[in-house]
Amino acid sequence: MKKQTTKTFEIKGTVQFGEKNVPFVKKVSANNANHASEKVLTLFGSKNKVKRRSINITESKETKE
């Protein structure tokens, strides 16, 4: 079984709060970029009660830390 390494990703995008689009930058740990994007969607949904369709991810890149 291959050991999965966790990487740090920086996710940029906008989230709609009411009528305003607010830019955000989040750093999350994940195995790949898709998992990192899913984690950001989950975090916004659970903490801010924002639907997935209100979140627009524009950039996802791996950071060196």
N, C-alpha and C. Protein backbone atom coordinates (compact mmCIF):
# COMPACT_ATOMS: atom_id res chain seq x y z
N MET A 1 0.84 -1.18 0.00
CA MET A 1 0.00 0.00 0.00
C MET A 1 0.88 1.25 0.00
N LYS A 2 0.58 2.17 -0.89
CA LYS A 2 1.38 3.38 -1.03
C LYS A 2 1.00 4.39 0.06
N LYS A 3 1.99 4.96 0.69
CA LYS A 3 1.75 5.98 1.72
C LYS A 3 1.43 7.31 1.04
N GLN A 4 0.33 7.93 1.45
CA GLN A 4 -0.06 9.21 0.87
C GLN A 4 0.55 10.33 1.68
N THR A 5 1.14 11.26 0.99
CA THR A 5 1.73 12.41 1.66
C THR A 5 0.74 13.58 1.60
N THR A 6 0.65 14.31 2.67
CA THR A 6 -0.23 15.46 2.72
C THR A 6 0.53 16.70 2.30
N LYS A 7 -0.09 17.47 1.41
CA LYS A 7 0.52 18.69 0.89
C LYS A 7 -0.34 19.87 1.31
N THR A 8 0.24 21.05 1.26
CA THR A 8 -0.50 22.27 1.58
C THR A 8 -0.88 22.96 0.28
N PHE A 9 -2.16 23.31 0.17
CA PHE A 9 -2.67 23.98 -1.02
C PHE A 9 -3.24 25.33 -0.65
N GLU A 10 -3.08 26.28 -1.57
CA GLU A 10 -3.66 27.61 -1.41
C GLU A 10 -4.80 27.72 -2.41
N ILE A 11 -6.00 27.92 -1.89
CA ILE A 11 -7.20 27.99 -2.71
C ILE A 11 -7.69 29.43 -2.71
N LYS A 12 -7.89 29.98 -3.93
CA LYS A 12 -8.39 31.36 -4.07
C LYS A 12 -9.72 31.32 -4.79
N GLY A 13 -10.57 32.28 -4.45
CA GLY A 13 -11.86 32.36 -5.12
C GLY A 13 -12.72 33.44 -4.51
N THR A 14 -14.02 33.35 -4.80
CA THR A 14 -14.99 34.29 -4.25
C THR A 14 -16.15 33.50 -3.67
N VAL A 15 -16.79 34.09 -2.67
CA VAL A 15 -17.98 33.50 -2.07
C VAL A 15 -19.05 34.58 -2.00
N GLN A 16 -20.28 34.19 -2.31
CA GLN A 16 -21.38 35.15 -2.34
C GLN A 16 -22.09 35.15 -1.00
N PHE A 17 -22.06 36.30 -0.34
CA PHE A 17 -22.79 36.53 0.90
C PHE A 17 -23.88 37.55 0.58
N GLY A 18 -25.11 37.10 0.45
CA GLY A 18 -26.19 38.00 0.07
C GLY A 18 -25.98 38.49 -1.35
N GLU A 19 -25.81 39.80 -1.50
CA GLU A 19 -25.60 40.38 -2.83
C GLU A 19 -24.14 40.66 -3.12
N LYS A 20 -23.26 40.43 -2.14
CA LYS A 20 -21.84 40.76 -2.31
C LYS A 20 -21.02 39.51 -2.60
N ASN A 21 -20.05 39.66 -3.51
CA ASN A 21 -19.06 38.63 -3.75
C ASN A 21 -17.79 39.02 -3.00
N VAL A 22 -17.38 38.17 -2.07
CA VAL A 22 -16.25 38.46 -1.21
C VAL A 22 -15.09 37.54 -1.60
N PRO A 23 -13.92 38.10 -1.93
CA PRO A 23 -12.77 37.25 -2.26
C PRO A 23 -12.22 36.56 -1.01
N PHE A 24 -11.63 35.38 -1.21
CA PHE A 24 -11.02 34.65 -0.10
C PHE A 24 -9.77 33.93 -0.56
N VAL A 25 -8.89 33.65 0.40
CA VAL A 25 -7.71 32.81 0.20
C VAL A 25 -7.64 31.89 1.41
N LYS A 26 -7.65 30.59 1.17
CA LYS A 26 -7.60 29.60 2.24
C LYS A 26 -6.42 28.67 2.00
N LYS A 27 -5.73 28.33 3.07
CA LYS A 27 -4.66 27.31 3.01
C LYS A 27 -5.17 26.07 3.72
N VAL A 28 -5.15 24.94 3.01
CA VAL A 28 -5.63 23.68 3.57
C VAL A 28 -4.64 22.57 3.27
N SER A 29 -4.65 21.55 4.10
CA SER A 29 -3.82 20.36 3.88
C SER A 29 -4.68 19.28 3.24
N ALA A 30 -4.16 18.68 2.17
CA ALA A 30 -4.90 17.64 1.47
C ALA A 30 -3.92 16.80 0.65
N ASN A 31 -4.43 15.68 0.13
CA ASN A 31 -3.59 14.79 -0.68
C ASN A 31 -3.41 15.31 -2.10
N ASN A 32 -4.45 15.96 -2.66
CA ASN A 32 -4.35 16.52 -4.01
C ASN A 32 -5.24 17.75 -4.12
N ALA A 33 -5.21 18.40 -5.27
CA ALA A 33 -5.94 19.66 -5.46
C ALA A 33 -7.46 19.46 -5.38
N ASN A 34 -7.96 18.33 -5.87
CA ASN A 34 -9.41 18.09 -5.80
C ASN A 34 -9.88 17.95 -4.36
N HIS A 35 -9.12 17.25 -3.55
CA HIS A 35 -9.47 17.11 -2.14
C HIS A 35 -9.40 18.46 -1.43
N ALA A 36 -8.43 19.28 -1.79
CA ALA A 36 -8.31 20.60 -1.19
C ALA A 36 -9.52 21.47 -1.53
N SER A 37 -9.97 21.43 -2.77
CA SER A 37 -11.15 22.20 -3.18
C SER A 37 -12.39 21.72 -2.43
N GLU A 38 -12.54 20.42 -2.30
CA GLU A 38 -13.67 19.86 -1.56
C GLU A 38 -13.65 20.29 -0.09
N LYS A 39 -12.45 20.34 0.48
CA LYS A 39 -12.32 20.74 1.88
C LYS A 39 -12.75 22.19 2.07
N VAL A 40 -12.39 23.07 1.13
CA VAL A 40 -12.79 24.47 1.21
C VAL A 40 -14.31 24.59 1.09
N LEU A 41 -14.91 23.85 0.16
CA LEU A 41 -16.37 23.88 0.02
C LEU A 41 -17.04 23.41 1.31
N THR A 42 -16.50 22.39 1.92
CA THR A 42 -17.05 21.85 3.17
C THR A 42 -16.91 22.85 4.30
N LEU A 43 -15.74 23.50 4.40
CA LEU A 43 -15.51 24.47 5.47
C LEU A 43 -16.47 25.65 5.38
N PHE A 44 -16.64 26.21 4.19
CA PHE A 44 -17.55 27.34 4.02
C PHE A 44 -18.99 26.91 4.31
N GLY A 45 -19.36 25.72 3.89
CA GLY A 45 -20.72 25.24 4.13
C GLY A 45 -21.01 25.05 5.59
N SER A 46 -20.06 24.50 6.34
CA SER A 46 -20.32 24.21 7.74
C SER A 46 -20.19 25.44 8.64
N LYS A 47 -19.26 26.32 8.35
CA LYS A 47 -19.04 27.47 9.22
C LYS A 47 -19.91 28.67 8.87
N ASN A 48 -20.19 28.87 7.58
CA ASN A 48 -20.92 30.07 7.15
C ASN A 48 -22.29 29.77 6.56
N LYS A 49 -22.66 28.49 6.51
CA LYS A 49 -23.95 28.07 5.94
C LYS A 49 -24.14 28.57 4.51
N VAL A 50 -23.09 28.44 3.70
CA VAL A 50 -23.10 28.87 2.31
C VAL A 50 -23.25 27.64 1.43
N LYS A 51 -24.13 27.72 0.45
CA LYS A 51 -24.31 26.62 -0.49
C LYS A 51 -23.12 26.54 -1.45
N ARG A 52 -22.87 25.34 -1.97
CA ARG A 52 -21.74 25.13 -2.88
C ARG A 52 -21.84 25.99 -4.14
N ARG A 53 -23.04 26.21 -4.59
CA ARG A 53 -23.20 27.00 -5.82
C ARG A 53 -22.85 28.48 -5.62
N SER A 54 -22.73 28.91 -4.36
CA SER A 54 -22.37 30.30 -4.05
C SER A 54 -20.86 30.50 -3.93
N ILE A 55 -20.09 29.41 -4.07
CA ILE A 55 -18.64 29.48 -3.93
C ILE A 55 -18.01 29.26 -5.30
N ASN A 56 -17.14 30.19 -5.69
CA ASN A 56 -16.45 30.10 -6.98
C ASN A 56 -14.95 30.01 -6.72
N ILE A 57 -14.36 28.84 -6.98
CA ILE A 57 -12.92 28.65 -6.80
C ILE A 57 -12.23 28.99 -8.11
N THR A 58 -11.31 29.96 -8.05
CA THR A 58 -10.65 30.41 -9.28
C THR A 58 -9.25 29.85 -9.44
N GLU A 59 -8.58 29.53 -8.32
CA GLU A 59 -7.19 29.05 -8.41
C GLU A 59 -6.90 28.08 -7.27
N SER A 60 -6.17 27.04 -7.60
CA SER A 60 -5.75 26.05 -6.61
C SER A 60 -4.30 25.70 -6.91
N LYS A 61 -3.39 26.02 -5.97
CA LYS A 61 -1.99 25.71 -6.23
C LYS A 61 -1.33 25.17 -4.96
N GLU A 62 -0.34 24.31 -5.18
CA GLU A 62 0.40 23.73 -4.07
C GLU A 62 1.43 24.73 -3.58
N THR A 63 1.53 24.86 -2.26
CA THR A 63 2.52 25.77 -1.67
C THR A 63 3.63 24.98 -1.01
N LYS A 64 4.74 25.60 -0.85
CA LYS A 64 5.88 24.96 -0.20
C LYS A 64 5.98 25.46 1.23
N GLU A 65 5.82 24.53 2.16
CA GLU A 65 5.95 24.90 3.58
C GLU A 65 6.66 23.83 4.33
